[in-house]
């Protein structure tokens, strides 16, 4: 039986670069945030998504993980990952 997918949500310029608002990654167990990014990029080859994700703030669920090593952040099945580009204005 396959575990619940990891929902990846793209906001603002990340959505524009990916061409979609979200992706669902099928997983059999927890994967690292680095793997989430790698798989998200593989779904959108030839786009500016790698450059945009490099400057995004990232949430796993509602937890900011910007200062953590993506290889050390586990993302369990059924979680959401949010990529939030810097916003102008204030």
N, C-alpha and C. Protein backbone atom coordinates (compact mmCIF):
# COMPACT_ATOMS: atom_id res chain seq x y z
N UNK A 1 0.84 -1.19 0.00
CA UNK A 1 0.00 0.00 0.00
C UNK A 1 0.89 1.25 0.00
N UNK A 2 0.56 2.19 -0.85
CA UNK A 2 1.32 3.42 -0.96
C UNK A 2 0.86 4.42 0.09
N UNK A 3 1.82 5.10 0.67
CA UNK A 3 1.51 6.13 1.66
C UNK A 3 0.90 7.35 0.96
N UNK A 4 0.32 8.24 1.75
CA UNK A 4 -0.26 9.48 1.21
C UNK A 4 0.84 10.29 0.53
N UNK A 5 0.52 10.98 -0.55
CA UNK A 5 1.54 11.77 -1.24
C UNK A 5 1.98 12.98 -0.42
N UNK A 6 3.13 13.50 -0.77
CA UNK A 6 3.60 14.78 -0.25
C UNK A 6 3.11 15.84 -1.22
N UNK A 7 2.39 16.81 -0.70
CA UNK A 7 1.86 17.90 -1.52
C UNK A 7 2.87 19.04 -1.55
N UNK A 8 3.31 19.40 -2.74
CA UNK A 8 4.26 20.49 -2.92
C UNK A 8 3.50 21.67 -3.51
N UNK A 9 3.54 22.81 -2.82
CA UNK A 9 2.81 24.01 -3.25
C UNK A 9 3.81 25.09 -3.64
N UNK A 10 3.56 25.70 -4.79
CA UNK A 10 4.40 26.78 -5.31
C UNK A 10 3.61 28.08 -5.22
N UNK A 11 4.26 29.13 -4.74
CA UNK A 11 3.60 30.41 -4.60
C UNK A 11 4.29 31.46 -5.46
N UNK A 12 3.51 32.41 -5.97
CA UNK A 12 4.00 33.59 -6.71
C UNK A 12 4.91 33.18 -7.86
N UNK A 13 6.15 33.66 -7.87
CA UNK A 13 7.05 33.37 -9.01
C UNK A 13 7.40 31.89 -9.10
N UNK A 14 7.34 31.16 -8.01
CA UNK A 14 7.58 29.71 -8.07
C UNK A 14 6.45 29.03 -8.85
N UNK A 15 5.21 29.49 -8.63
CA UNK A 15 4.07 28.97 -9.39
C UNK A 15 4.23 29.30 -10.86
N UNK A 16 4.64 30.52 -11.14
CA UNK A 16 4.84 30.92 -12.53
C UNK A 16 5.93 30.07 -13.20
N UNK A 17 7.02 29.83 -12.49
CA UNK A 17 8.13 29.05 -13.05
C UNK A 17 7.74 27.59 -13.27
N UNK A 18 7.00 27.02 -12.32
CA UNK A 18 6.60 25.62 -12.44
C UNK A 18 5.47 25.44 -13.46
N UNK A 19 4.66 26.48 -13.62
CA UNK A 19 3.52 26.39 -14.52
C UNK A 19 2.31 25.70 -13.89
N UNK A 20 2.42 25.35 -12.61
CA UNK A 20 1.32 24.74 -11.86
C UNK A 20 1.35 25.28 -10.44
N UNK A 21 0.24 25.15 -9.73
CA UNK A 21 0.18 25.61 -8.35
C UNK A 21 0.74 24.58 -7.37
N UNK A 22 0.68 23.30 -7.77
CA UNK A 22 1.15 22.26 -6.86
C UNK A 22 1.46 20.97 -7.61
N UNK A 23 2.19 20.10 -6.92
CA UNK A 23 2.47 18.75 -7.39
C UNK A 23 2.24 17.81 -6.22
N UNK A 24 1.86 16.58 -6.52
CA UNK A 24 1.74 15.54 -5.50
C UNK A 24 2.83 14.51 -5.77
N UNK A 25 3.71 14.31 -4.80
CA UNK A 25 4.81 13.36 -4.94
C UNK A 25 4.43 12.05 -4.26
N UNK A 26 4.37 10.99 -5.02
CA UNK A 26 4.07 9.67 -4.48
C UNK A 26 5.30 9.15 -3.74
N UNK A 27 5.10 8.74 -2.50
CA UNK A 27 6.20 8.22 -1.67
C UNK A 27 5.74 6.97 -0.93
N UNK A 28 6.70 6.15 -0.53
CA UNK A 28 6.40 4.96 0.26
C UNK A 28 6.76 5.15 1.72
N UNK A 29 7.39 6.28 2.04
CA UNK A 29 7.81 6.59 3.40
C UNK A 29 8.41 7.98 3.40
N UNK A 30 8.97 8.41 4.53
CA UNK A 30 9.57 9.74 4.60
C UNK A 30 10.72 9.88 3.60
N UNK A 31 10.85 11.07 3.05
CA UNK A 31 12.01 11.41 2.22
C UNK A 31 12.56 12.74 2.73
N UNK A 32 13.77 13.08 2.32
CA UNK A 32 14.35 14.34 2.78
C UNK A 32 13.82 15.50 1.95
N UNK A 33 13.95 16.69 2.50
CA UNK A 33 13.57 17.89 1.76
C UNK A 33 14.41 18.01 0.50
N UNK A 34 15.67 17.62 0.56
CA UNK A 34 16.53 17.65 -0.63
C UNK A 34 15.93 16.76 -1.74
N UNK A 35 15.39 15.60 -1.35
CA UNK A 35 14.75 14.73 -2.34
C UNK A 35 13.47 15.34 -2.87
N UNK A 36 12.72 16.03 -2.02
CA UNK A 36 11.51 16.72 -2.47
C UNK A 36 11.87 17.73 -3.55
N UNK A 37 12.90 18.54 -3.28
CA UNK A 37 13.33 19.56 -4.25
C UNK A 37 13.79 18.88 -5.54
N UNK A 38 14.59 17.85 -5.44
CA UNK A 38 15.09 17.14 -6.62
C UNK A 38 13.93 16.59 -7.47
N UNK A 39 12.97 15.99 -6.81
CA UNK A 39 11.83 15.43 -7.53
C UNK A 39 10.95 16.53 -8.13
N UNK A 40 10.76 17.63 -7.40
CA UNK A 40 9.97 18.75 -7.93
C UNK A 40 10.64 19.32 -9.18
N UNK A 41 11.95 19.50 -9.13
CA UNK A 41 12.67 20.03 -10.29
C UNK A 41 12.59 19.08 -11.48
N UNK A 42 12.64 17.78 -11.22
CA UNK A 42 12.56 16.79 -12.30
C UNK A 42 11.21 16.82 -13.01
N UNK A 43 10.17 17.26 -12.30
CA UNK A 43 8.84 17.36 -12.91
C UNK A 43 8.71 18.56 -13.84
N UNK A 44 9.64 19.51 -13.74
CA UNK A 44 9.53 20.75 -14.52
C UNK A 44 10.87 21.09 -15.20
N UNK A 45 11.36 20.18 -16.06
CA UNK A 45 12.65 20.43 -16.72
C UNK A 45 12.57 21.62 -17.67
N UNK A 46 13.69 22.30 -17.82
CA UNK A 46 13.77 23.41 -18.76
C UNK A 46 13.08 24.67 -18.30
N UNK A 47 12.74 24.75 -17.02
CA UNK A 47 12.08 25.95 -16.50
C UNK A 47 13.07 26.74 -15.63
N UNK A 48 12.62 27.90 -15.13
CA UNK A 48 13.46 28.67 -14.20
C UNK A 48 13.24 28.24 -12.77
N UNK A 49 12.54 27.15 -12.56
CA UNK A 49 12.24 26.70 -11.21
C UNK A 49 13.48 26.50 -10.34
N UNK A 50 14.58 25.94 -10.84
CA UNK A 50 15.76 25.80 -9.96
C UNK A 50 16.23 27.13 -9.38
N UNK A 51 16.25 28.18 -10.21
CA UNK A 51 16.69 29.50 -9.74
C UNK A 51 15.71 30.07 -8.72
N UNK A 52 14.42 29.88 -8.96
CA UNK A 52 13.41 30.43 -8.06
C UNK A 52 13.45 29.69 -6.72
N UNK A 53 13.49 28.36 -6.74
CA UNK A 53 13.50 27.61 -5.48
C UNK A 53 14.73 27.92 -4.64
N UNK A 54 15.83 28.29 -5.31
CA UNK A 54 17.06 28.60 -4.57
C UNK A 54 16.90 29.81 -3.66
N UNK A 55 15.94 30.70 -3.95
CA UNK A 55 15.75 31.90 -3.12
C UNK A 55 14.48 31.85 -2.28
N UNK A 56 13.74 30.74 -2.36
CA UNK A 56 12.48 30.62 -1.64
C UNK A 56 12.67 30.33 -0.16
N UNK A 57 11.74 30.83 0.64
CA UNK A 57 11.56 30.34 2.00
C UNK A 57 10.78 29.04 1.87
N UNK A 58 11.05 28.11 2.78
CA UNK A 58 10.41 26.80 2.69
C UNK A 58 9.77 26.43 4.01
N UNK A 59 8.55 25.93 3.91
CA UNK A 59 7.83 25.41 5.07
C UNK A 59 7.57 23.93 4.84
N UNK A 60 7.78 23.13 5.88
CA UNK A 60 7.33 21.74 5.88
C UNK A 60 6.20 21.70 6.89
N UNK A 61 4.99 21.49 6.40
CA UNK A 61 3.81 21.70 7.24
C UNK A 61 3.76 23.18 7.55
N UNK A 62 3.74 23.54 8.82
CA UNK A 62 3.77 24.96 9.18
C UNK A 62 5.09 25.36 9.81
N UNK A 63 6.13 24.50 9.62
CA UNK A 63 7.44 24.74 10.24
C UNK A 63 8.43 25.31 9.23
N UNK A 64 8.96 26.53 9.47
CA UNK A 64 10.00 27.08 8.59
C UNK A 64 11.27 26.24 8.72
N UNK A 65 11.87 25.90 7.59
CA UNK A 65 13.08 25.08 7.60
C UNK A 65 14.23 25.73 6.82
N UNK A 66 14.17 27.05 6.63
CA UNK A 66 15.15 27.75 5.80
C UNK A 66 16.59 27.57 6.26
N UNK A 67 16.82 27.55 7.54
CA UNK A 67 18.19 27.51 8.07
C UNK A 67 18.70 26.09 8.28
N UNK A 68 17.88 25.11 7.95
CA UNK A 68 18.27 23.72 8.16
C UNK A 68 18.82 23.11 6.87
N UNK A 69 19.66 22.10 7.01
CA UNK A 69 20.20 21.37 5.86
C UNK A 69 19.07 20.55 5.24
N UNK A 70 18.74 20.79 3.96
CA UNK A 70 17.64 20.06 3.33
C UNK A 70 17.83 18.54 3.35
N UNK A 71 19.09 18.11 3.42
CA UNK A 71 19.36 16.68 3.48
C UNK A 71 19.04 16.09 4.84
N UNK A 72 18.85 16.94 5.84
CA UNK A 72 18.56 16.47 7.19
C UNK A 72 17.12 16.69 7.62
N UNK A 73 16.31 17.29 6.75
CA UNK A 73 14.90 17.55 7.08
C UNK A 73 14.06 16.43 6.49
N UNK A 74 13.42 15.64 7.34
CA UNK A 74 12.56 14.56 6.85
C UNK A 74 11.15 15.07 6.61
N UNK A 75 10.60 14.66 5.47
CA UNK A 75 9.24 15.04 5.10
C UNK A 75 8.42 13.75 5.04
N UNK A 76 7.53 13.57 6.01
CA UNK A 76 6.73 12.34 6.03
C UNK A 76 5.61 12.36 4.99
N UNK A 77 5.16 11.18 4.59
CA UNK A 77 4.01 11.11 3.69
C UNK A 77 2.82 11.87 4.28
N UNK A 78 2.05 12.49 3.41
CA UNK A 78 0.89 13.25 3.85
C UNK A 78 1.20 14.68 4.24
N UNK A 79 2.48 15.05 4.22
CA UNK A 79 2.89 16.42 4.57
C UNK A 79 2.72 17.35 3.38
N UNK A 80 2.80 18.64 3.69
CA UNK A 80 2.85 19.64 2.63
C UNK A 80 4.18 20.37 2.72
N UNK A 81 4.69 20.75 1.56
CA UNK A 81 5.90 21.56 1.47
C UNK A 81 5.52 22.80 0.67
N UNK A 82 5.80 23.96 1.23
CA UNK A 82 5.43 25.23 0.61
C UNK A 82 6.70 25.97 0.21
N UNK A 83 6.77 26.41 -1.05
CA UNK A 83 7.89 27.22 -1.52
C UNK A 83 7.40 28.66 -1.71
N UNK A 84 7.92 29.56 -0.89
CA UNK A 84 7.47 30.96 -0.85
C UNK A 84 8.59 31.88 -1.30
N UNK A 85 8.51 32.42 -2.52
CA UNK A 85 9.52 33.37 -2.96
C UNK A 85 9.46 34.65 -2.14
N UNK A 86 10.54 35.43 -2.16
CA UNK A 86 10.50 36.73 -1.47
C UNK A 86 9.39 37.60 -2.10
N UNK A 87 8.69 38.31 -1.25
CA UNK A 87 7.61 39.19 -1.74
C UNK A 87 8.06 40.63 -1.65
N UNK A 88 7.68 41.42 -2.65
CA UNK A 88 7.96 42.85 -2.64
C UNK A 88 6.85 43.57 -1.90
N UNK A 89 7.12 44.75 -1.48
CA UNK A 89 6.09 45.54 -0.83
C UNK A 89 6.14 45.40 0.68
N UNK A 90 5.14 45.85 1.34
CA UNK A 90 5.15 45.72 2.78
C UNK A 90 4.10 46.45 3.42
